[in-house]
């Protein structure tokens, strides 16, 4: 991840919930029509694993 991307993410994290939702919606609108290469099965599995691990961690915090 580049420094500029990390800076954007840090700024995003400091926004209010409402501003984050506005920004996320605008980013989704702008990226919906980009021509992304297809994801490999390996990439999908790795992303799913990261997501489930994060959900497990959040679940543990709320218990």
N, C-alpha and C. Protein backbone atom coordinates (compact mmCIF):
# COMPACT_ATOMS: atom_id res chain seq x y z
N UNK A 1 0.85 -1.17 0.00
CA UNK A 1 0.00 0.00 0.00
C UNK A 1 0.90 1.24 0.00
N UNK A 2 0.57 2.18 -0.83
CA UNK A 2 1.39 3.38 -0.91
C UNK A 2 1.08 4.32 0.26
N UNK A 3 1.98 5.24 0.51
CA UNK A 3 1.80 6.21 1.60
C UNK A 3 0.57 7.07 1.36
N UNK A 4 0.32 7.45 0.12
CA UNK A 4 -0.84 8.29 -0.17
C UNK A 4 -2.15 7.54 0.09
N UNK A 5 -2.18 6.26 -0.23
CA UNK A 5 -3.38 5.45 0.04
C UNK A 5 -3.57 5.32 1.55
N UNK A 6 -2.50 5.07 2.28
CA UNK A 6 -2.59 4.96 3.73
C UNK A 6 -3.08 6.27 4.34
N UNK A 7 -2.60 7.39 3.81
CA UNK A 7 -3.04 8.70 4.30
C UNK A 7 -4.54 8.91 4.05
N UNK A 8 -5.01 8.50 2.87
CA UNK A 8 -6.44 8.59 2.58
C UNK A 8 -7.26 7.74 3.54
N UNK A 9 -6.78 6.53 3.82
CA UNK A 9 -7.50 5.66 4.75
C UNK A 9 -7.52 6.23 6.16
N UNK A 10 -6.41 6.81 6.57
CA UNK A 10 -6.37 7.44 7.90
C UNK A 10 -7.34 8.60 7.99
N UNK A 11 -7.41 9.40 6.93
CA UNK A 11 -8.35 10.51 6.89
C UNK A 11 -9.78 9.98 6.92
N UNK A 12 -10.05 8.94 6.15
CA UNK A 12 -11.38 8.30 6.13
C UNK A 12 -11.78 7.87 7.54
N UNK A 13 -10.84 7.27 8.27
CA UNK A 13 -11.14 6.79 9.62
C UNK A 13 -11.49 7.92 10.58
N UNK A 14 -11.03 9.13 10.31
CA UNK A 14 -11.31 10.27 11.19
C UNK A 14 -12.63 10.97 10.85
N UNK A 15 -13.25 10.61 9.75
CA UNK A 15 -14.52 11.24 9.36
C UNK A 15 -15.66 10.78 10.26
N UNK A 16 -16.72 11.56 10.27
CA UNK A 16 -17.93 11.14 10.97
C UNK A 16 -18.55 9.97 10.21
N UNK A 17 -19.44 9.24 10.86
CA UNK A 17 -20.10 8.12 10.20
C UNK A 17 -20.83 8.58 8.94
N UNK A 18 -21.50 9.71 9.03
CA UNK A 18 -22.25 10.23 7.89
C UNK A 18 -21.31 10.56 6.72
N UNK A 19 -20.20 11.20 7.02
CA UNK A 19 -19.25 11.57 5.97
C UNK A 19 -18.61 10.31 5.36
N UNK A 20 -18.34 9.29 6.20
CA UNK A 20 -17.79 8.04 5.68
C UNK A 20 -18.76 7.38 4.71
N UNK A 21 -20.04 7.38 5.05
CA UNK A 21 -21.04 6.79 4.15
C UNK A 21 -21.11 7.55 2.84
N UNK A 22 -21.08 8.89 2.91
CA UNK A 22 -21.10 9.70 1.70
C UNK A 22 -19.90 9.38 0.82
N UNK A 23 -18.73 9.33 1.43
CA UNK A 23 -17.51 9.06 0.67
C UNK A 23 -17.52 7.66 0.07
N UNK A 24 -17.93 6.67 0.85
CA UNK A 24 -17.98 5.29 0.36
C UNK A 24 -18.92 5.18 -0.84
N UNK A 25 -20.06 5.82 -0.75
CA UNK A 25 -21.01 5.80 -1.86
C UNK A 25 -20.40 6.43 -3.11
N UNK A 26 -19.72 7.55 -2.94
CA UNK A 26 -19.12 8.23 -4.09
C UNK A 26 -18.01 7.38 -4.71
N UNK A 27 -17.21 6.72 -3.88
CA UNK A 27 -16.15 5.84 -4.40
C UNK A 27 -16.76 4.66 -5.15
N UNK A 28 -17.80 4.06 -4.60
CA UNK A 28 -18.46 2.95 -5.29
C UNK A 28 -19.02 3.37 -6.64
N UNK A 29 -19.61 4.56 -6.69
CA UNK A 29 -20.14 5.05 -7.97
C UNK A 29 -19.03 5.19 -9.00
N UNK A 30 -17.88 5.68 -8.56
CA UNK A 30 -16.78 5.95 -9.49
C UNK A 30 -16.03 4.68 -9.90
N UNK A 31 -16.13 3.63 -9.12
CA UNK A 31 -15.39 2.41 -9.44
C UNK A 31 -16.27 1.33 -10.04
N UNK A 32 -17.56 1.54 -10.08
CA UNK A 32 -18.48 0.50 -10.55
C UNK A 32 -18.21 0.09 -12.00
N UNK A 33 -17.70 0.99 -12.79
CA UNK A 33 -17.53 0.70 -14.21
C UNK A 33 -16.07 0.50 -14.62
N UNK A 34 -15.18 0.37 -13.64
CA UNK A 34 -13.79 0.10 -13.98
C UNK A 34 -13.66 -1.34 -14.48
N UNK A 35 -12.72 -1.55 -15.34
CA UNK A 35 -12.50 -2.87 -15.92
C UNK A 35 -11.47 -3.63 -15.09
N UNK A 36 -11.93 -4.30 -14.05
CA UNK A 36 -11.04 -5.07 -13.18
C UNK A 36 -10.78 -6.44 -13.79
N UNK A 37 -9.56 -6.95 -13.65
CA UNK A 37 -9.31 -8.32 -14.11
C UNK A 37 -10.04 -9.31 -13.20
N UNK A 38 -10.39 -10.47 -13.72
CA UNK A 38 -11.09 -11.45 -12.88
C UNK A 38 -10.19 -11.90 -11.73
N UNK A 39 -10.82 -12.16 -10.59
CA UNK A 39 -10.08 -12.66 -9.42
C UNK A 39 -9.85 -14.16 -9.56
N UNK A 40 -8.69 -14.58 -9.13
CA UNK A 40 -8.41 -16.02 -9.14
C UNK A 40 -9.11 -16.66 -7.94
N UNK A 41 -9.28 -17.97 -8.00
CA UNK A 41 -9.87 -18.69 -6.88
C UNK A 41 -9.04 -18.48 -5.62
N UNK A 42 -7.72 -18.46 -5.78
CA UNK A 42 -6.83 -18.27 -4.63
C UNK A 42 -7.06 -16.90 -3.99
N UNK A 43 -7.21 -15.86 -4.80
CA UNK A 43 -7.47 -14.52 -4.27
C UNK A 43 -8.80 -14.47 -3.54
N UNK A 44 -9.81 -15.08 -4.11
CA UNK A 44 -11.12 -15.11 -3.47
C UNK A 44 -11.07 -15.82 -2.12
N UNK A 45 -10.37 -16.94 -2.06
CA UNK A 45 -10.26 -17.69 -0.81
C UNK A 45 -9.51 -16.87 0.24
N UNK A 46 -8.42 -16.23 -0.14
CA UNK A 46 -7.65 -15.42 0.80
C UNK A 46 -8.47 -14.24 1.33
N UNK A 47 -9.21 -13.59 0.44
CA UNK A 47 -10.05 -12.48 0.87
C UNK A 47 -11.17 -12.95 1.79
N UNK A 48 -11.77 -14.07 1.47
CA UNK A 48 -12.83 -14.61 2.32
C UNK A 48 -12.27 -14.98 3.69
N UNK A 49 -11.09 -15.56 3.71
CA UNK A 49 -10.47 -15.94 4.98
C UNK A 49 -10.22 -14.71 5.84
N UNK A 50 -9.68 -13.65 5.24
CA UNK A 50 -9.44 -12.41 5.98
C UNK A 50 -10.74 -11.84 6.53
N UNK A 51 -11.78 -11.86 5.73
CA UNK A 51 -13.07 -11.34 6.15
C UNK A 51 -13.63 -12.14 7.32
N UNK A 52 -13.60 -13.46 7.23
CA UNK A 52 -14.13 -14.29 8.31
C UNK A 52 -13.32 -14.16 9.59
N UNK A 53 -12.00 -14.01 9.47
CA UNK A 53 -11.17 -13.81 10.65
C UNK A 53 -11.51 -12.48 11.33
N UNK A 54 -11.73 -11.45 10.53
CA UNK A 54 -12.11 -10.16 11.07
C UNK A 54 -13.48 -10.23 11.75
N UNK A 55 -14.43 -10.92 11.13
CA UNK A 55 -15.75 -11.08 11.73
C UNK A 55 -15.67 -11.87 13.04
N UNK A 56 -14.86 -12.90 13.08
CA UNK A 56 -14.66 -13.67 14.32
C UNK A 56 -14.10 -12.78 15.42
N UNK A 57 -13.14 -11.92 15.06
CA UNK A 57 -12.54 -11.03 16.04
C UNK A 57 -13.58 -10.04 16.58
N UNK A 58 -14.38 -9.48 15.69
CA UNK A 58 -15.43 -8.55 16.11
C UNK A 58 -16.46 -9.25 16.98
N UNK A 59 -16.81 -10.47 16.63
CA UNK A 59 -17.77 -11.24 17.41
C UNK A 59 -17.26 -11.47 18.83
N UNK A 60 -15.98 -11.78 18.95
CA UNK A 60 -15.36 -12.00 20.25
C UNK A 60 -15.42 -10.72 21.09
N UNK A 61 -15.20 -9.58 20.47
CA UNK A 61 -15.24 -8.30 21.20
C UNK A 61 -16.63 -7.99 21.74
N UNK A 62 -17.67 -8.41 21.03
CA UNK A 62 -19.04 -8.09 21.43
C UNK A 62 -19.62 -9.09 22.42
N UNK A 63 -18.92 -10.17 22.67
CA UNK A 63 -19.46 -11.18 23.60
C UNK A 63 -19.18 -10.83 25.03
